[in-house]
């Protein structure tokens, strides 16, 4: 009689483990799908950012508000001060 209880406990444990594994696999598949969607959105957003920050787009917008492109002689390179070494 004791062996029947032992077998039932083992079977219950196996069923519980398999159910947990199935639920974990389902969640993992859902997360992988979401990740691929988010990667696609990130790629799209990066392309939009690159396009919006290109000279082709920025120069006409800057000219529309009265800005102009600087000449080479107007560019000043400012040195960055280096921290003093002791």
C-alpha atoms as a PDB file:
ATOM      1  CA  UNK A   1       0.000   0.000   0.000  1.00  0.00           C
ATOM      2  CA  UNK A   2       2.881   2.359   0.761  1.00  0.00           C
ATOM      3  CA  UNK A   3       4.298   1.895  -2.724  1.00  0.00           C
ATOM      4  CA  UNK A   4       0.996   3.133  -4.250  1.00  0.00           C
ATOM      5  CA  UNK A   5       1.271   6.389  -2.292  1.00  0.00           C
ATOM      6  CA  UNK A   6       4.929   6.682  -3.314  1.00  0.00           C
ATOM      7  CA  UNK A   7       4.062   6.194  -7.020  1.00  0.00           C
ATOM      8  CA  UNK A   8       1.238   8.744  -6.813  1.00  0.00           C
ATOM      9  CA  UNK A   9       3.544  11.306  -5.212  1.00  0.00           C
ATOM     10  CA  UNK A  10       6.168  10.754  -7.920  1.00  0.00           C
ATOM     11  CA  UNK A  11       3.529  11.044 -10.672  1.00  0.00           C
ATOM     12  CA  UNK A  12       2.173  14.252  -9.153  1.00  0.00           C
ATOM     13  CA  UNK A  13       5.706  15.657  -8.994  1.00  0.00           C
ATOM     14  CA  UNK A  14       6.381  14.740 -12.650  1.00  0.00           C
ATOM     15  CA  UNK A  15       3.098  16.313 -13.803  1.00  0.00           C
ATOM     16  CA  UNK A  16       3.818  19.479 -11.850  1.00  0.00           C
ATOM     17  CA  UNK A  17       7.346  19.690 -13.283  1.00  0.00           C
ATOM     18  CA  UNK A  18       6.104  19.168 -16.846  1.00  0.00           C
ATOM     19  CA  UNK A  19       3.399  21.786 -16.394  1.00  0.00           C
ATOM     20  CA  UNK A  20       5.944  24.282 -15.077  1.00  0.00           C
ATOM     21  CA  UNK A  21       8.233  23.487 -18.006  1.00  0.00           C
ATOM     22  CA  UNK A  22       5.425  24.005 -20.492  1.00  0.00           C
ATOM     23  CA  UNK A  23       4.464  27.330 -18.916  1.00  0.00           C
ATOM     24  CA  UNK A  24       8.094  28.456 -18.937  1.00  0.00           C
ATOM     25  CA  UNK A  25       8.490  27.471 -22.599  1.00  0.00           C
ATOM     26  CA  UNK A  26       5.317  29.364 -23.505  1.00  0.00           C
ATOM     27  CA  UNK A  27       6.537  32.473 -21.680  1.00  0.00           C
ATOM     28  CA  UNK A  28       9.959  32.190 -23.322  1.00  0.00           C
ATOM     29  CA  UNK A  29       8.376  31.969 -26.765  1.00  0.00           C
ATOM     30  CA  UNK A  30       6.258  35.036 -25.982  1.00  0.00           C
ATOM     31  CA  UNK A  31       9.334  36.974 -24.845  1.00  0.00           C
ATOM     32  CA  UNK A  32      11.290  35.974 -27.961  1.00  0.00           C
ATOM     33  CA  UNK A  33       8.454  37.188 -30.162  1.00  0.00           C
ATOM     34  CA  UNK A  34       8.302  40.478 -28.254  1.00  0.00           C
ATOM     35  CA  UNK A  35      12.071  40.873 -28.514  1.00  0.00           C
ATOM     36  CA  UNK A  36      12.007  40.452 -32.291  1.00  0.00           C
ATOM     37  CA  UNK A  37       9.224  43.059 -32.548  1.00  0.00           C
ATOM     38  CA  UNK A  38      11.211  45.485 -30.375  1.00  0.00           C
ATOM     39  CA  UNK A  39      14.396  44.921 -32.394  1.00  0.00           C
ATOM     40  CA  UNK A  40      12.454  45.735 -35.549  1.00  0.00           C
ATOM     41  CA  UNK A  41      11.081  48.908 -33.965  1.00  0.00           C
ATOM     42  CA  UNK A  42      14.569  49.917 -32.798  1.00  0.00           C
ATOM     43  CA  UNK A  43      15.931  49.463 -36.313  1.00  0.00           C
ATOM     44  CA  UNK A  44      13.110  51.571 -37.739  1.00  0.00           C
ATOM     45  CA  UNK A  45      13.660  54.309 -35.156  1.00  0.00           C
ATOM     46  CA  UNK A  46      17.417  54.387 -35.798  1.00  0.00           C
ATOM     47  CA  UNK A  47      16.789  54.757 -39.520  1.00  0.00           C
ATOM     48  CA  UNK A  48      14.343  57.587 -38.861  1.00  0.00           C
ATOM     49  CA  UNK A  49      16.831  59.319 -36.544  1.00  0.00           C
ATOM     50  CA  UNK A  50      19.638  58.977 -39.087  1.00  0.00           C
ATOM     51  CA  UNK A  51      17.411  60.337 -41.825  1.00  0.00           C
ATOM     52  CA  UNK A  52      16.142  63.236 -39.696  1.00  0.00           C
ATOM     53  CA  UNK A  53      19.676  64.227 -38.669  1.00  0.00           C
ATOM     54  CA  UNK A  54      21.106  64.127 -42.178  1.00  0.00           C
ATOM     55  CA  UNK A  55      22.267  67.263 -43.971  1.00  0.00           C
ATOM     56  CA  UNK A  56      19.590  66.708 -46.625  1.00  0.00           C
ATOM     57  CA  UNK A  57      16.901  67.282 -44.017  1.00  0.00           C
ATOM     58  CA  UNK A  58      18.572  69.695 -41.592  1.00  0.00           C
ATOM     59  CA  UNK A  59      19.910  72.289 -44.030  1.00  0.00           C
ATOM     60  CA  UNK A  60      16.523  73.105 -45.622  1.00  0.00           C
ATOM     61  CA  UNK A  61      14.937  73.338 -42.161  1.00  0.00           C
ATOM     62  CA  UNK A  62      17.734  75.608 -40.904  1.00  0.00           C
ATOM     63  CA  UNK A  63      17.466  77.846 -43.974  1.00  0.00           C
ATOM     64  CA  UNK A  64      13.703  78.050 -43.502  1.00  0.00           C
ATOM     65  CA  UNK A  65      14.199  79.669 -40.088  1.00  0.00           C
ATOM     66  CA  UNK A  66      16.907  82.055 -41.295  1.00  0.00           C
ATOM     67  CA  UNK A  67      20.064  80.125 -40.452  1.00  0.00           C
ATOM     68  CA  UNK A  68      22.889  79.583 -42.895  1.00  0.00           C
ATOM     69  CA  UNK A  69      25.766  77.186 -43.245  1.00  0.00           C
ATOM     70  CA  UNK A  70      29.040  78.537 -41.869  1.00  0.00           C
ATOM     71  CA  UNK A  71      32.031  79.153 -44.114  1.00  0.00           C
ATOM     72  CA  UNK A  72      35.314  77.375 -43.465  1.00  0.00           C
ATOM     73  CA  UNK A  73      36.866  80.576 -42.136  1.00  0.00           C
ATOM     74  CA  UNK A  74      34.080  80.907 -39.535  1.00  0.00           C
ATOM     75  CA  UNK A  75      34.761  77.596 -37.857  1.00  0.00           C
ATOM     76  CA  UNK A  76      36.733  77.800 -34.626  1.00  0.00           C
ATOM     77  CA  UNK A  77      37.971  74.657 -32.929  1.00  0.00           C
ATOM     78  CA  UNK A  78      37.948  75.122 -29.182  1.00  0.00           C
ATOM     79  CA  UNK A  79      40.581  73.188 -27.262  1.00  0.00           C
ATOM     80  CA  UNK A  80      39.402  71.081 -24.373  1.00  0.00           C
ATOM     81  CA  UNK A  81      41.421  71.771 -21.248  1.00  0.00           C
ATOM     82  CA  UNK A  82      43.269  68.729 -19.989  1.00  0.00           C
ATOM     83  CA  UNK A  83      43.233  67.993 -16.264  1.00  0.00           C
ATOM     84  CA  UNK A  84      46.500  68.762 -14.542  1.00  0.00           C
ATOM     85  CA  UNK A  85      48.640  65.767 -13.715  1.00  0.00           C
ATOM     86  CA  UNK A  86      50.449  65.711 -10.424  1.00  0.00           C
END
